[in-house]
Amino acid sequence: MDAREFEPIDRSERVEPYVPPQKLRERGWRQMKKNRLALWGMVIVIVMTAAAIAGPWLAPYTYADQNLVDANAWPSSAHWFGTDSLGRDLFVRVLYGARISLSIGFAASLINFFIGVIYGGIAGLAGGRTDRMLMHIVDVLYSIPMLLYVILLMVVFKPGLVNIYIALGIAYWLNMARIVRGQILSLKQQEYVLAARSCGTSTWNVLCRHMIPNCMGPIIVTMTLSIPDAIFTEAFLSFIGLGVSAPMASWGVLASEGISSIRSFPFQLVFPAVALCLTMLGFMFLGDGLRDALDPQNQKEAGR
């Protein structure tokens, strides 16, 4: 009989205890509350989203109502943000612009999720020649400047709200695919993945039920940070005349209309520009806070 069978167990190596998902969420929320900029970003996003949804319904005007008598009126109790050159209420038009910009940002984020996660997941899980071929395609598309890529698509599709959805959906999934592919490569050799494969689980079920849920932290952060990028891209396209066309109210359209009268009526440019900047900063602060809160190392420190 081997004498080593009776040797005491070496407990010098520390095994991390199992932490239930609810406990991880509590740790993440505690870490999130420590970041004041992230909390302010969350407040800005909630307020902007609520204003975009409910504001136009509660306003006494629509974005297209004209009153030439009140043209170029400065901010007052009747028109909180003033009016434009056609007498349209600027406050209502900013709210409509928030609805359009946020809808484009959220739509681009969802398309980014579905296309990028599936594409990157298949590339990472398949590996080998399939992985190289799929990622070469991503590298070729990634070598083209993203803004130029979207502009070329908009020139082909012609300006319009639906075409902006299509252009952003085609162009904004590349970064997500690379991130998901890297996460899948790091997870595919884990024991639970090998056990699922040894039990005969299909590749699709392994990807959707076992691997993607364990990548949700980086996925959520990437989705959140892609929203301000899409909002800015839409505003830029509308500013140069390739996005939403008049009389629809977009922050880019409002900035384009206000730039011509910036010396005489600066408020026509200031209000939509401030709304655009606040919304982008809110999503960026929220994304940075989510990145810190969903980091496993920070969650371990928060649980101590």
Protein backbone atom coordinates (compact mmCIF):
# COMPACT_ATOMS: atom_id res chain seq x y z
CA MET A 1 0.00 0.00 0.00
CA ASP A 2 1.28 3.43 -0.97
CA ALA A 3 2.01 5.59 2.08
CA ARG A 4 1.04 8.72 0.14
CA GLU A 5 -2.63 7.68 0.37
CA PHE A 6 -2.57 8.60 4.06
CA GLU A 7 -0.95 12.00 3.59
CA PRO A 8 -3.11 14.99 4.70
CA ILE A 9 -4.85 16.96 2.01
CA ASP A 10 -3.03 20.09 0.98
CA ARG A 11 -5.46 22.98 1.57
CA SER A 12 -3.02 25.72 0.66
CA GLU A 13 -4.77 26.28 -2.65
CA ARG A 14 -7.89 28.28 -2.11
CA VAL A 15 -10.99 27.27 -4.06
CA GLU A 16 -13.41 30.05 -4.94
CA PRO A 17 -16.85 29.30 -3.49
CA TYR A 18 -19.91 29.23 -5.72
CA VAL A 19 -21.73 32.54 -5.81
CA PRO A 20 -25.40 32.50 -6.91
CA PRO A 21 -26.44 34.90 -9.72
CA GLN A 22 -28.57 36.97 -7.35
CA LYS A 23 -25.53 37.60 -5.16
CA LEU A 24 -23.52 38.64 -8.22
CA ARG A 25 -26.24 41.12 -9.19
CA GLU A 26 -26.21 42.57 -5.67
CA ARG A 27 -22.44 42.96 -5.80
CA GLY A 28 -22.66 44.58 -9.23
CA TRP A 29 -25.30 47.04 -8.01
CA ARG A 30 -23.16 47.95 -4.98
CA GLN A 31 -20.23 48.58 -7.30
CA MET A 32 -22.49 50.61 -9.59
CA LYS A 33 -23.68 52.85 -6.74
CA LYS A 34 -20.09 53.81 -5.94
CA ASN A 35 -19.75 55.39 -9.39
CA ARG A 36 -21.56 58.74 -9.24
CA LEU A 37 -21.01 59.48 -12.92
CA ALA A 38 -22.67 56.19 -13.82
CA LEU A 39 -25.67 57.02 -11.62
CA TRP A 40 -25.96 60.45 -13.24
CA GLY A 41 -25.71 58.79 -16.62
CA MET A 42 -28.53 56.43 -15.70
CA VAL A 43 -30.68 59.37 -14.57
CA ILE A 44 -30.01 61.24 -17.84
CA VAL A 45 -30.89 58.18 -19.93
CA ILE A 46 -34.12 57.56 -18.00
CA VAL A 47 -35.19 61.21 -18.18
CA MET A 48 -34.41 61.48 -21.90
CA THR A 49 -36.21 58.24 -22.68
CA ALA A 50 -39.28 59.25 -20.67
CA ALA A 51 -39.32 62.70 -22.30
CA ALA A 52 -39.00 61.17 -25.77
CA ILE A 53 -41.89 58.78 -25.14
CA ALA A 54 -44.34 60.99 -23.24
CA GLY A 55 -43.27 64.52 -24.13
CA PRO A 56 -44.72 64.79 -27.65
CA TRP A 57 -48.04 63.32 -26.48
CA LEU A 58 -48.38 65.94 -23.72
CA ALA A 59 -47.22 68.94 -25.75
CA PRO A 60 -49.89 71.32 -27.16
CA TYR A 61 -48.08 71.45 -30.52
CA THR A 62 -46.65 68.99 -33.01
CA TYR A 63 -43.25 69.15 -34.64
CA ALA A 64 -44.81 70.46 -37.89
CA ASP A 65 -47.21 73.13 -36.54
CA GLN A 66 -46.29 76.53 -37.97
CA ASN A 67 -47.15 80.03 -36.76
CA LEU A 68 -45.32 82.68 -38.74
CA VAL A 69 -46.40 85.36 -36.28
CA ASP A 70 -44.17 83.74 -33.64
CA ALA A 71 -41.26 83.05 -36.00
CA ASN A 72 -37.80 83.25 -34.37
CA ALA A 73 -39.33 83.97 -30.95
CA TRP A 74 -36.92 83.80 -28.04
CA PRO A 75 -37.57 81.37 -25.14
CA SER A 76 -40.60 82.35 -23.08
CA SER A 77 -43.41 80.82 -21.04
CA ALA A 78 -45.34 80.11 -24.25
CA HIS A 79 -42.35 78.52 -26.03
CA TRP A 80 -39.80 77.20 -23.54
CA PHE A 81 -37.02 76.77 -26.12
CA GLY A 82 -38.24 79.49 -28.51
CA THR A 83 -39.31 78.92 -32.10
CA ASP A 84 -37.54 78.45 -35.44
CA SER A 85 -37.79 80.53 -38.60
CA LEU A 86 -41.20 79.02 -39.45
CA GLY A 87 -42.68 79.54 -36.01
CA ARG A 88 -42.47 75.89 -34.95
CA ASP A 89 -42.04 75.24 -31.24
CA LEU A 90 -38.42 74.25 -30.66
CA PHE A 91 -39.08 72.43 -27.38
CA VAL A 92 -41.49 70.03 -29.08
CA ARG A 93 -39.12 69.52 -31.97
CA VAL A 94 -36.28 68.67 -29.57
CA LEU A 95 -38.53 66.08 -27.93
CA TYR A 96 -39.37 64.59 -31.31
CA GLY A 97 -35.66 64.62 -32.09
CA ALA A 98 -35.03 62.66 -28.90
CA ARG A 99 -37.59 60.08 -30.01
CA ILE A 100 -35.94 59.63 -33.40
CA SER A 101 -32.36 59.62 -32.11
CA LEU A 102 -33.03 57.21 -29.24
CA SER A 103 -35.05 54.86 -31.45
CA ILE A 104 -32.15 54.74 -33.92
CA GLY A 105 -29.66 54.17 -31.10
CA PHE A 106 -31.65 51.33 -29.55
CA ALA A 107 -32.40 49.75 -32.94
CA ALA A 108 -28.71 49.82 -33.90
CA SER A 109 -27.84 48.29 -30.53
CA LEU A 110 -30.34 45.43 -30.98
CA ILE A 111 -29.13 44.72 -34.51
CA ASN A 112 -25.60 44.88 -33.16
CA PHE A 113 -26.54 42.28 -30.56
CA PHE A 114 -28.21 39.76 -32.85
CA ILE A 115 -25.80 39.90 -35.78
CA GLY A 116 -22.59 40.42 -33.82
CA VAL A 117 -23.26 37.80 -31.15
CA ILE A 118 -24.32 35.09 -33.60
CA TYR A 119 -21.50 35.83 -36.05
CA GLY A 120 -18.77 36.08 -33.42
CA GLY A 121 -20.14 33.08 -31.50
CA ILE A 122 -20.10 30.84 -34.57
CA ALA A 123 -16.59 31.99 -35.51
CA GLY A 124 -15.20 31.38 -32.04
CA LEU A 125 -16.91 28.05 -31.45
CA ALA A 126 -16.19 26.59 -34.91
CA GLY A 127 -12.52 27.56 -34.90
CA GLY A 128 -10.05 26.50 -37.56
CA ARG A 129 -10.66 27.43 -41.18
CA THR A 130 -14.21 28.67 -40.54
CA ASP A 131 -12.98 31.06 -37.85
CA ARG A 132 -10.21 32.42 -40.06
CA MET A 133 -12.54 32.92 -43.03
CA LEU A 134 -15.24 34.70 -41.01
CA MET A 135 -12.80 36.94 -39.20
CA HIS A 136 -10.99 37.85 -42.43
CA ILE A 137 -14.31 39.21 -43.67
CA VAL A 138 -14.64 41.24 -40.46
CA ASP A 139 -11.07 42.54 -40.80
CA VAL A 140 -11.71 43.68 -44.37
CA LEU A 141 -14.90 45.52 -43.38
CA TYR A 142 -13.21 46.90 -40.26
CA SER A 143 -10.43 48.44 -42.35
CA ILE A 144 -12.97 50.84 -43.91
CA PRO A 145 -13.70 53.89 -41.68
CA MET A 146 -17.08 53.27 -40.12
CA LEU A 147 -18.48 56.73 -40.82
CA LEU A 148 -17.42 56.57 -44.47
CA TYR A 149 -18.99 53.13 -44.71
CA VAL A 150 -22.33 54.42 -43.40
CA ILE A 151 -22.20 57.49 -45.68
CA LEU A 152 -21.66 55.29 -48.74
CA LEU A 153 -24.57 53.08 -47.72
CA MET A 154 -26.82 56.12 -47.25
CA VAL A 155 -25.87 57.41 -50.69
CA VAL A 156 -26.92 54.07 -52.15
CA PHE A 157 -30.11 53.72 -50.07
CA LYS A 158 -31.12 57.42 -50.28
CA PRO A 159 -31.93 59.51 -47.16
CA GLY A 160 -34.72 58.31 -44.88
CA LEU A 161 -35.41 56.93 -41.42
CA VAL A 162 -35.79 53.30 -42.51
CA ASN A 163 -32.61 53.45 -44.57
CA ILE A 164 -30.70 54.76 -41.53
CA TYR A 165 -31.80 51.65 -39.62
CA ILE A 166 -30.52 49.47 -42.45
CA ALA A 167 -27.20 51.31 -42.82
CA LEU A 168 -26.41 51.29 -39.10
CA GLY A 169 -27.48 47.66 -38.80
CA ILE A 170 -25.14 46.62 -41.59
CA ALA A 171 -22.16 48.55 -40.25
CA TYR A 172 -22.31 48.42 -36.45
CA TRP A 173 -21.95 44.71 -35.64
CA LEU A 174 -18.23 44.32 -36.41
CA ASN A 175 -16.89 45.32 -33.00
CA MET A 176 -19.44 43.12 -31.23
CA ALA A 177 -18.44 40.13 -33.37
CA ARG A 178 -14.78 40.51 -32.43
CA ILE A 179 -15.53 40.85 -28.72
CA VAL A 180 -17.85 37.84 -28.65
CA ARG A 181 -15.42 35.75 -30.65
CA GLY A 182 -12.65 36.49 -28.14
CA GLN A 183 -14.92 35.59 -25.22
CA ILE A 184 -16.01 32.33 -26.86
CA LEU A 185 -12.39 31.33 -27.51
CA SER A 186 -11.63 31.76 -23.81
CA LEU A 187 -14.69 29.74 -22.76
CA LYS A 188 -14.74 26.86 -25.26
CA GLN A 189 -12.23 24.79 -23.26
CA GLN A 190 -14.06 25.19 -19.96
CA GLU A 191 -15.22 22.01 -18.24
CA TYR A 192 -18.95 22.72 -18.51
CA VAL A 193 -18.65 23.26 -22.27
CA LEU A 194 -16.71 20.03 -22.73
CA ALA A 195 -19.24 18.20 -20.56
CA ALA A 196 -22.14 19.54 -22.63
CA ARG A 197 -20.46 18.44 -25.84
CA SER A 198 -19.67 15.00 -24.44
CA CYS A 199 -23.37 14.57 -23.62
CA GLY A 200 -24.26 15.06 -27.27
CA THR A 201 -25.57 18.62 -27.00
CA SER A 202 -25.74 20.31 -30.37
CA THR A 203 -23.37 23.13 -31.23
CA TRP A 204 -26.23 25.64 -31.37
CA ASN A 205 -27.46 24.69 -27.88
CA VAL A 206 -23.93 24.83 -26.48
CA LEU A 207 -23.54 28.31 -27.91
CA CYS A 208 -26.94 29.70 -26.84
CA ARG A 209 -27.45 27.97 -23.49
CA HIS A 210 -23.95 27.65 -22.08
CA MET A 211 -21.53 30.12 -23.66
CA ILE A 212 -23.39 33.30 -24.63
CA PRO A 213 -24.99 33.69 -21.14
CA ASN A 214 -21.46 33.70 -19.69
CA CYS A 215 -20.45 36.50 -22.08
CA MET A 216 -23.34 38.82 -21.24
CA GLY A 217 -21.17 41.25 -19.25
CA PRO A 218 -19.01 42.41 -22.19
CA ILE A 219 -22.02 42.15 -24.52
CA ILE A 220 -24.15 44.51 -22.40
CA VAL A 221 -21.31 47.00 -22.06
CA THR A 222 -20.64 46.96 -25.82
CA MET A 223 -24.34 47.43 -26.58
CA THR A 224 -24.59 50.38 -24.18
CA LEU A 225 -21.52 52.10 -25.59
CA SER A 226 -22.70 51.57 -29.18
CA ILE A 227 -25.88 53.60 -28.61
CA PRO A 228 -24.19 57.06 -28.37
CA ASP A 229 -22.07 56.18 -31.39
CA ALA A 230 -25.20 55.42 -33.43
CA ILE A 231 -26.95 58.58 -32.16
CA PHE A 232 -24.00 60.75 -33.17
CA THR A 233 -23.78 59.07 -36.57
CA GLU A 234 -27.47 59.71 -37.23
CA ALA A 235 -27.10 63.35 -36.14
CA PHE A 236 -24.12 63.82 -38.43
CA LEU A 237 -25.90 62.22 -41.39
CA SER A 238 -28.97 64.41 -40.81
CA PHE A 239 -26.74 67.48 -40.44
CA ILE A 240 -25.17 66.97 -43.88
CA GLY A 241 -28.50 66.05 -45.49
CA LEU A 242 -28.11 62.25 -45.74
CA GLY A 243 -30.28 61.27 -42.77
CA VAL A 244 -33.75 62.28 -41.68
CA SER A 245 -35.21 64.88 -44.01
CA ALA A 246 -37.38 67.90 -43.16
CA PRO A 247 -39.94 68.48 -41.80
CA MET A 248 -39.14 65.55 -39.47
CA ALA A 249 -37.36 66.72 -36.34
CA SER A 250 -33.99 65.17 -35.62
CA TRP A 251 -31.22 66.67 -33.54
CA GLY A 252 -29.03 66.71 -36.63
CA VAL A 253 -31.75 68.45 -38.66
CA LEU A 254 -32.31 71.01 -35.89
CA ALA A 255 -28.58 71.71 -35.67
CA SER A 256 -28.40 72.09 -39.44
CA GLU A 257 -31.30 74.57 -39.38
CA GLY A 258 -29.90 76.47 -36.38
CA ILE A 259 -26.35 76.85 -37.70
CA SER A 260 -27.50 79.33 -40.35
CA SER A 261 -28.90 81.72 -37.73
CA ILE A 262 -26.40 81.17 -34.94
CA ARG A 263 -25.43 84.86 -34.75
CA SER A 264 -28.98 86.18 -34.54
CA PHE A 265 -30.77 83.34 -32.74
CA PRO A 266 -28.15 81.10 -31.07
CA PHE A 267 -30.77 79.23 -29.01
CA GLN A 268 -31.93 77.43 -32.17
CA LEU A 269 -28.59 75.60 -32.21
CA VAL A 270 -27.78 75.50 -28.50
CA PHE A 271 -30.81 73.52 -27.30
CA PRO A 272 -30.58 70.57 -29.73
CA ALA A 273 -26.79 70.51 -29.34
CA VAL A 274 -27.06 70.39 -25.53
CA ALA A 275 -29.69 67.62 -25.72
CA LEU A 276 -27.43 65.60 -28.03
CA CYS A 277 -24.36 66.06 -25.83
CA LEU A 278 -26.20 65.21 -22.61
CA THR A 279 -27.66 62.04 -24.09
CA MET A 280 -24.31 60.85 -25.42
CA LEU A 281 -22.56 61.62 -22.12
CA GLY A 282 -25.33 59.81 -20.21
CA PHE A 283 -24.89 56.61 -22.22
CA MET A 284 -21.09 56.81 -22.03
CA PHE A 285 -21.11 57.27 -18.24
CA LEU A 286 -23.63 54.45 -17.89
CA GLY A 287 -21.54 52.17 -20.10
CA ASP A 288 -18.38 52.87 -18.10
CA GLY A 289 -20.26 52.15 -14.88
CA LEU A 290 -21.64 48.87 -16.23
CA ARG A 291 -18.16 47.85 -17.34
CA ASP A 292 -16.81 48.36 -13.82
CA ALA A 293 -19.85 46.74 -12.17
CA LEU A 294 -19.76 43.64 -14.39
CA ASP A 295 -16.01 43.13 -14.01
CA PRO A 296 -15.52 39.90 -11.99
CA GLN A 297 -12.47 41.31 -10.20
CA ASN A 298 -14.44 44.34 -8.98
CA GLN A 299 -17.30 42.07 -7.90
CA LYS A 300 -14.89 40.01 -5.79
CA GLU A 301 -13.59 43.16 -4.13
CA ALA A 302 -17.17 44.35 -3.51
CA GLY A 303 -18.05 41.03 -1.88
CA ARG A 304 -15.24 41.17 0.64
